PDB file of N, CA and C in Angstrom:
ATOM      1  N   UNK A   1      39.513 127.238 194.331  1.00  0.00           N
ATOM      2  CA  UNK A   1      40.604 128.711 194.177  1.00  0.00           C
ATOM      3  C   UNK A   1      40.496 129.297 193.248  1.00  0.00           C
ATOM      4  N   UNK A   2      40.069 131.085 193.209  1.00  0.00           N
ATOM      5  CA  UNK A   2      40.358 131.202 191.893  1.00  0.00           C
ATOM      6  C   UNK A   2      41.800 132.132 191.620  1.00  0.00           C
ATOM      7  N   UNK A   3      41.830 131.882 190.401  1.00  0.00           N
ATOM      8  CA  UNK A   3      43.483 132.425 190.154  1.00  0.00           C
ATOM      9  C   UNK A   3      43.777 133.817 190.540  1.00  0.00           C
ATOM     10  N   UNK A   4      42.922 134.456 190.793  1.00  0.00           N
ATOM     11  CA  UNK A   4      42.757 135.919 190.643  1.00  0.00           C
ATOM     12  C   UNK A   4      42.544 136.137 192.518  1.00  0.00           C
ATOM     13  N   UNK A   5      42.135 134.948 193.328  1.00  0.00           N
ATOM     14  CA  UNK A   5      42.165 135.305 194.747  1.00  0.00           C
ATOM     15  C   UNK A   5      43.626 135.492 195.512  1.00  0.00           C
ATOM     16  N   UNK A   6      43.752 135.924 196.347  1.00  0.00           N
ATOM     17  CA  UNK A   6      45.047 136.001 197.304  1.00  0.00           C
ATOM     18  C   UNK A   6      44.908 136.166 198.461  1.00  0.00           C
ATOM     19  N   UNK A   7      45.832 136.002 199.443  1.00  0.00           N
ATOM     20  CA  UNK A   7      45.758 136.254 200.701  1.00  0.00           C
ATOM     21  C   UNK A   7      46.067 137.954 200.885  1.00  0.00           C
ATOM     22  N   UNK A   8      44.808 138.702 201.306  1.00  0.00           N
ATOM     23  CA  UNK A   8      44.992 140.219 201.544  1.00  0.00           C
ATOM     24  C   UNK A   8      46.342 140.269 202.191  1.00  0.00           C
ATOM     25  N   UNK A   9      46.366 139.746 203.897  1.00  0.00           N
ATOM     26  CA  UNK A   9      46.805 140.118 204.731  1.00  0.00           C
ATOM     27  C   UNK A   9      48.204 139.512 204.410  1.00  0.00           C
ATOM     28  N   UNK A  10      48.715 138.787 203.837  1.00  0.00           N
ATOM     29  CA  UNK A  10      49.978 138.181 203.497  1.00  0.00           C
ATOM     30  C   UNK A  10      50.125 139.544 202.484  1.00  0.00           C
ATOM     31  N   UNK A  11      49.727 139.390 201.283  1.00  0.00           N
ATOM     32  CA  UNK A  11      50.361 140.173 200.395  1.00  0.00           C
ATOM     33  C   UNK A  11      50.478 142.030 201.135  1.00  0.00           C
ATOM     34  N   UNK A  12      49.381 142.628 201.732  1.00  0.00           N
ATOM     35  CA  UNK A  12      49.984 143.829 202.738  1.00  0.00           C
ATOM     36  C   UNK A  12      51.137 143.545 203.766  1.00  0.00           C
ATOM     37  N   UNK A  13      51.630 142.689 204.353  1.00  0.00           N
ATOM     38  CA  UNK A  13      52.461 142.473 204.991  1.00  0.00           C
ATOM     39  C   UNK A  13      53.543 142.387 204.225  1.00  0.00           C
ATOM     40  N   UNK A  14      53.586 142.023 203.380  1.00  0.00           N
ATOM     41  CA  UNK A  14      55.200 141.497 202.554  1.00  0.00           C
ATOM     42  C   UNK A  14      55.291 143.173 201.836  1.00  0.00           C
ATOM     43  N   UNK A  15      54.259 143.817 201.283  1.00  0.00           N
ATOM     44  CA  UNK A  15      54.510 145.063 200.865  1.00  0.00           C
ATOM     45  C   UNK A  15      55.131 146.599 201.924  1.00  0.00           C
ATOM     46  N   UNK A  16      54.153 146.050 203.053  1.00  0.00           N
ATOM     47  CA  UNK A  16      54.941 146.767 204.382  1.00  0.00           C
ATOM     48  C   UNK A  16      56.344 146.896 204.573  1.00  0.00           C
ATOM     49  N   UNK A  17      56.753 145.273 204.684  1.00  0.00           N
ATOM     50  CA  UNK A  17      58.459 144.696 205.058  1.00  0.00           C
ATOM     51  C   UNK A  17      59.122 145.179 204.229  1.00  0.00           C
ATOM     52  N   UNK A  18      58.604 145.157 202.759  1.00  0.00           N
ATOM     53  CA  UNK A  18      59.728 145.587 201.675  1.00  0.00           C
ATOM     54  C   UNK A  18      59.629 147.277 201.630  1.00  0.00           C
ATOM     55  N   UNK A  19      58.209 148.327 202.293  1.00  0.00           N
ATOM     56  CA  UNK A  19      58.708 149.466 202.246  1.00  0.00           C
ATOM     57  C   UNK A  19      59.419 150.074 203.907  1.00  0.00           C
ATOM     58  N   UNK A  20      59.332 149.166 204.511  1.00  0.00           N
ATOM     59  CA  UNK A  20      60.258 149.359 205.506  1.00  0.00           C
ATOM     60  C   UNK A  20      61.861 149.690 205.612  1.00  0.00           C
ATOM     61  N   UNK A  21      62.330 148.419 204.712  1.00  0.00           N
ATOM     62  CA  UNK A  21      63.354 148.032 204.410  1.00  0.00           C
ATOM     63  C   UNK A  21      64.241 149.287 203.805  1.00  0.00           C
ATOM     64  N   UNK A  22      63.122 149.100 202.263  1.00  0.00           N
ATOM     65  CA  UNK A  22      63.586 151.192 201.511  1.00  0.00           C
ATOM     66  C   UNK A  22      63.746 152.103 202.616  1.00  0.00           C
ATOM     67  N   UNK A  23      62.980 151.919 203.410  1.00  0.00           N
ATOM     68  CA  UNK A  23      63.019 153.240 204.381  1.00  0.00           C
ATOM     69  C   UNK A  23      64.161 153.366 204.973  1.00  0.00           C
ATOM     70  N   UNK A  24      64.571 152.083 205.380  1.00  0.00           N
ATOM     71  CA  UNK A  24      65.633 151.853 206.630  1.00  0.00           C
ATOM     72  C   UNK A  24      67.022 152.697 205.563  1.00  0.00           C
ATOM     73  N   UNK A  25      66.901 152.189 204.363  1.00  0.00           N
ATOM     74  CA  UNK A  25      68.202 151.982 203.688  1.00  0.00           C
ATOM     75  C   UNK A  25      68.226 153.667 203.094  1.00  0.00           C
ATOM     76  N   UNK A  26      67.268 154.110 202.813  1.00  0.00           N
ATOM     77  CA  UNK A  26      67.472 155.428 202.683  1.00  0.00           C
ATOM     78  C   UNK A  26      67.949 156.137 203.541  1.00  0.00           C
ATOM     79  N   UNK A  27      67.270 155.673 204.957  1.00  0.00           N
ATOM     80  CA  UNK A  27      67.597 156.848 206.105  1.00  0.00           C
ATOM     81  C   UNK A  27      69.365 156.618 206.332  1.00  0.00           C
ATOM     82  N   UNK A  28      69.494 155.480 205.875  1.00  0.00           N
ATOM     83  CA  UNK A  28      71.500 155.454 206.132  1.00  0.00           C
ATOM     84  C   UNK A  28      71.780 155.686 205.237  1.00  0.00           C
ATOM     85  N   UNK A  29      71.575 155.775 203.580  1.00  0.00           N
ATOM     86  CA  UNK A  29      72.302 156.774 202.967  1.00  0.00           C
ATOM     87  C   UNK A  29      72.105 157.924 203.462  1.00  0.00           C
ATOM     88  N   UNK A  30      71.339 158.539 203.604  1.00  0.00           N
ATOM     89  CA  UNK A  30      71.308 160.172 203.726  1.00  0.00           C
ATOM     90  C   UNK A  30      72.185 160.364 205.132  1.00  0.00           C
ATOM     91  N   UNK A  31      71.970 159.471 206.098  1.00  0.00           N
ATOM     92  CA  UNK A  31      72.587 159.765 207.156  1.00  0.00           C
ATOM     93  C   UNK A  31      74.091 159.690 207.162  1.00  0.00           C
ATOM     94  N   UNK A  32      74.482 158.792 206.123  1.00  0.00           N
ATOM     95  CA  UNK A  32      76.303 158.807 206.181  1.00  0.00           C
ATOM     96  C   UNK A  32      76.946 159.732 204.878  1.00  0.00           C
ATOM     97  N   UNK A  33      75.416 160.446 203.884  1.00  0.00           N
ATOM     98  CA  UNK A  33      75.790 161.827 203.221  1.00  0.00           C
ATOM     99  C   UNK A  33      76.019 162.957 203.920  1.00  0.00           C
ATOM    100  N   UNK A  34      75.353 162.789 204.890  1.00  0.00           N
ATOM    101  CA  UNK A  34      75.318 163.796 206.115  1.00  0.00           C
ATOM    102  C   UNK A  34      76.421 163.928 206.508  1.00  0.00           C
ATOM    103  N   UNK A  35      76.890 162.848 207.353  1.00  0.00           N
ATOM    104  CA  UNK A  35      78.422 162.700 207.832  1.00  0.00           C
ATOM    105  C   UNK A  35      79.441 163.541 206.773  1.00  0.00           C
ATOM    106  N   UNK A  36      79.655 162.749 205.679  1.00  0.00           N
ATOM    107  CA  UNK A  36      80.531 163.169 204.844  1.00  0.00           C
ATOM    108  C   UNK A  36      80.260 164.462 204.749  1.00  0.00           C
ATOM    109  N   UNK A  37      79.790 164.996 204.467  1.00  0.00           N
ATOM    110  CA  UNK A  37      79.495 167.066 203.762  1.00  0.00           C
ATOM    111  C   UNK A  37      80.109 167.436 205.460  1.00  0.00           C
ATOM    112  N   UNK A  38      79.591 167.192 206.817  1.00  0.00           N
ATOM    113  CA  UNK A  38      80.041 167.701 207.761  1.00  0.00           C
ATOM    114  C   UNK A  38      81.562 167.630 208.175  1.00  0.00           C
ATOM    115  N   UNK A  39      82.178 166.242 207.805  1.00  0.00           N
ATOM    116  CA  UNK A  39      83.682 166.268 207.434  1.00  0.00           C
ATOM    117  C   UNK A  39      84.381 167.056 206.006  1.00  0.00           C
ATOM    118  N   UNK A  40      84.026 167.091 205.679  1.00  0.00           N
ATOM    119  CA  UNK A  40      84.469 168.054 204.252  1.00  0.00           C
ATOM    120  C   UNK A  40      84.058 169.597 204.750  1.00  0.00           C
ATOM    121  N   UNK A  41      83.389 169.839 206.041  1.00  0.00           N
ATOM    122  CA  UNK A  41      83.610 171.562 206.280  1.00  0.00           C
ATOM    123  C   UNK A  41      82.110 172.170 205.723  1.00  0.00           C
ATOM    124  N   UNK A  42      81.393 171.339 205.247  1.00  0.00           N
ATOM    125  CA  UNK A  42      80.195 172.103 205.784  1.00  0.00           C
ATOM    126  C   UNK A  42      79.364 172.531 206.562  1.00  0.00           C
ATOM    127  N   UNK A  43      78.839 173.227 207.167  1.00  0.00           N
ATOM    128  CA  UNK A  43      77.621 173.874 208.438  1.00  0.00           C
ATOM    129  C   UNK A  43      76.694 173.059 208.822  1.00  0.00           C
ATOM    130  N   UNK A  44      75.901 172.923 209.732  1.00  0.00           N
ATOM    131  CA  UNK A  44      74.658 172.398 209.887  1.00  0.00           C
ATOM    132  C   UNK A  44      73.762 173.203 208.958  1.00  0.00           C
ATOM    133  N   UNK A  45      74.006 174.275 209.131  1.00  0.00           N
ATOM    134  CA  UNK A  45      73.158 175.353 208.788  1.00  0.00           C
ATOM    135  C   UNK A  45      73.049 175.289 206.951  1.00  0.00           C
ATOM    136  N   UNK A  46      74.235 175.144 205.933  1.00  0.00           N
ATOM    137  CA  UNK A  46      74.223 174.635 205.114  1.00  0.00           C
ATOM    138  C   UNK A  46      73.600 173.402 204.668  1.00  0.00           C
ATOM    139  N   UNK A  47      73.510 172.518 205.450  1.00  0.00           N
ATOM    140  CA  UNK A  47      73.184 171.320 205.129  1.00  0.00           C
ATOM    141  C   UNK A  47      71.545 171.305 205.259  1.00  0.00           C
ATOM    142  N   UNK A  48      71.065 172.247 206.267  1.00  0.00           N
ATOM    143  CA  UNK A  48      69.569 171.958 206.627  1.00  0.00           C
ATOM    144  C   UNK A  48      68.995 172.792 205.196  1.00  0.00           C
ATOM    145  N   UNK A  49      69.673 173.902 205.098  1.00  0.00           N
ATOM    146  CA  UNK A  49      69.318 174.521 203.877  1.00  0.00           C
ATOM    147  C   UNK A  49      69.182 173.978 202.384  1.00  0.00           C
ATOM    148  N   UNK A  50      69.764 172.598 202.323  1.00  0.00           N
ATOM    149  CA  UNK A  50      69.846 171.804 201.367  1.00  0.00           C
ATOM    150  C   UNK A  50      68.271 170.919 201.477  1.00  0.00           C
ATOM    151  N   UNK A  51      67.613 170.911 202.666  1.00  0.00           N
ATOM    152  CA  UNK A  51      66.460 170.134 202.548  1.00  0.00           C
ATOM    153  C   UNK A  51      66.668 169.106 203.813  1.00  0.00           C
ATOM    154  N   UNK A  52      67.862 169.065 203.972  1.00  0.00           N
ATOM    155  CA  UNK A  52      68.126 167.715 205.481  1.00  0.00           C
ATOM    156  C   UNK A  52      67.396 168.400 206.672  1.00  0.00           C
ATOM    157  N   UNK A  53      66.464 167.190 207.415  1.00  0.00           N
ATOM    158  CA  UNK A  53      66.092 167.679 208.751  1.00  0.00           C
ATOM    159  C   UNK A  53      67.269 167.699 209.879  1.00  0.00           C
ATOM    160  N   UNK A  54      66.823 169.054 210.520  1.00  0.00           N
ATOM    161  CA  UNK A  54      68.029 168.679 211.576  1.00  0.00           C
ATOM    162  C   UNK A  54      68.271 167.659 212.690  1.00  0.00           C
ATOM    163  N   UNK A  55      67.284 166.974 212.674  1.00  0.00           N
ATOM    164  CA  UNK A  55      67.472 165.918 213.464  1.00  0.00           C
ATOM    165  C   UNK A  55      68.580 164.802 212.740  1.00  0.00           C
ATOM    166  N   UNK A  56      68.563 164.650 211.396  1.00  0.00           N
ATOM    167  CA  UNK A  56      69.498 163.984 211.270  1.00  0.00           C
ATOM    168  C   UNK A  56      70.869 164.413 211.435  1.00  0.00           C
ATOM    169  N   UNK A  57      70.688 166.124 211.185  1.00  0.00           N
ATOM    170  CA  UNK A  57      71.982 166.531 210.959  1.00  0.00           C
ATOM    171  C   UNK A  57      72.691 166.373 212.441  1.00  0.00           C
ATOM    172  N   UNK A  58      71.796 166.125 213.148  1.00  0.00           N
ATOM    173  CA  UNK A  58      72.272 166.651 215.074  1.00  0.00           C
ATOM    174  C   UNK A  58      72.586 164.907 215.168  1.00  0.00           C
ATOM    175  N   UNK A  59      72.097 163.870 214.476  1.00  0.00           N
ATOM    176  CA  UNK A  59      72.652 162.831 214.543  1.00  0.00           C
ATOM    177  C   UNK A  59      73.851 162.304 213.942  1.00  0.00           C
ATOM    178  N   UNK A  60      73.769 163.287 212.426  1.00  0.00           N
ATOM    179  CA  UNK A  60      75.203 163.098 212.185  1.00  0.00           C
ATOM    180  C   UNK A  60      76.443 163.494 212.681  1.00  0.00           C
ATOM    181  N   UNK A  61      75.827 164.640 213.875  1.00  0.00           N
ATOM    182  CA  UNK A  61      77.263 164.940 214.341  1.00  0.00           C
ATOM    183  C   UNK A  61      77.857 164.501 215.818  1.00  0.00           C
ATOM    184  N   UNK A  62      77.066 163.343 215.979  1.00  0.00           N
ATOM    185  CA  UNK A  62      77.785 162.673 217.261  1.00  0.00           C
ATOM    186  C   UNK A  62      78.171 161.249 216.222  1.00  0.00           C
ATOM    187  N   UNK A  63      78.379 161.356 215.225  1.00  0.00           N
ATOM    188  CA  UNK A  63      78.723 160.239 214.650  1.00  0.00           C
ATOM    189  C   UNK A  63      79.992 160.683 213.956  1.00  0.00           C
ATOM    190  N   UNK A  64      80.264 161.897 213.238  1.00  0.00           N
ATOM    191  CA  UNK A  64      81.312 162.823 212.864  1.00  0.00           C
ATOM    192  C   UNK A  64      83.012 162.566 213.767  1.00  0.00           C
TER     193      UNK A  64
END
């Protein structure tokens, strides 16, 4: 085996898992931020105007 050889499937699976974990964390942070903004009195329209998708806002409203 050459030092430059590697198991491509294992490598790709590892990168994919890492990306999913980062995406999950990012989504949780966004949701927590939206919940905080709603609790501080911002309207869903104001939050959506800042670039947050409406599904995230709807979910945050159920948590609020």
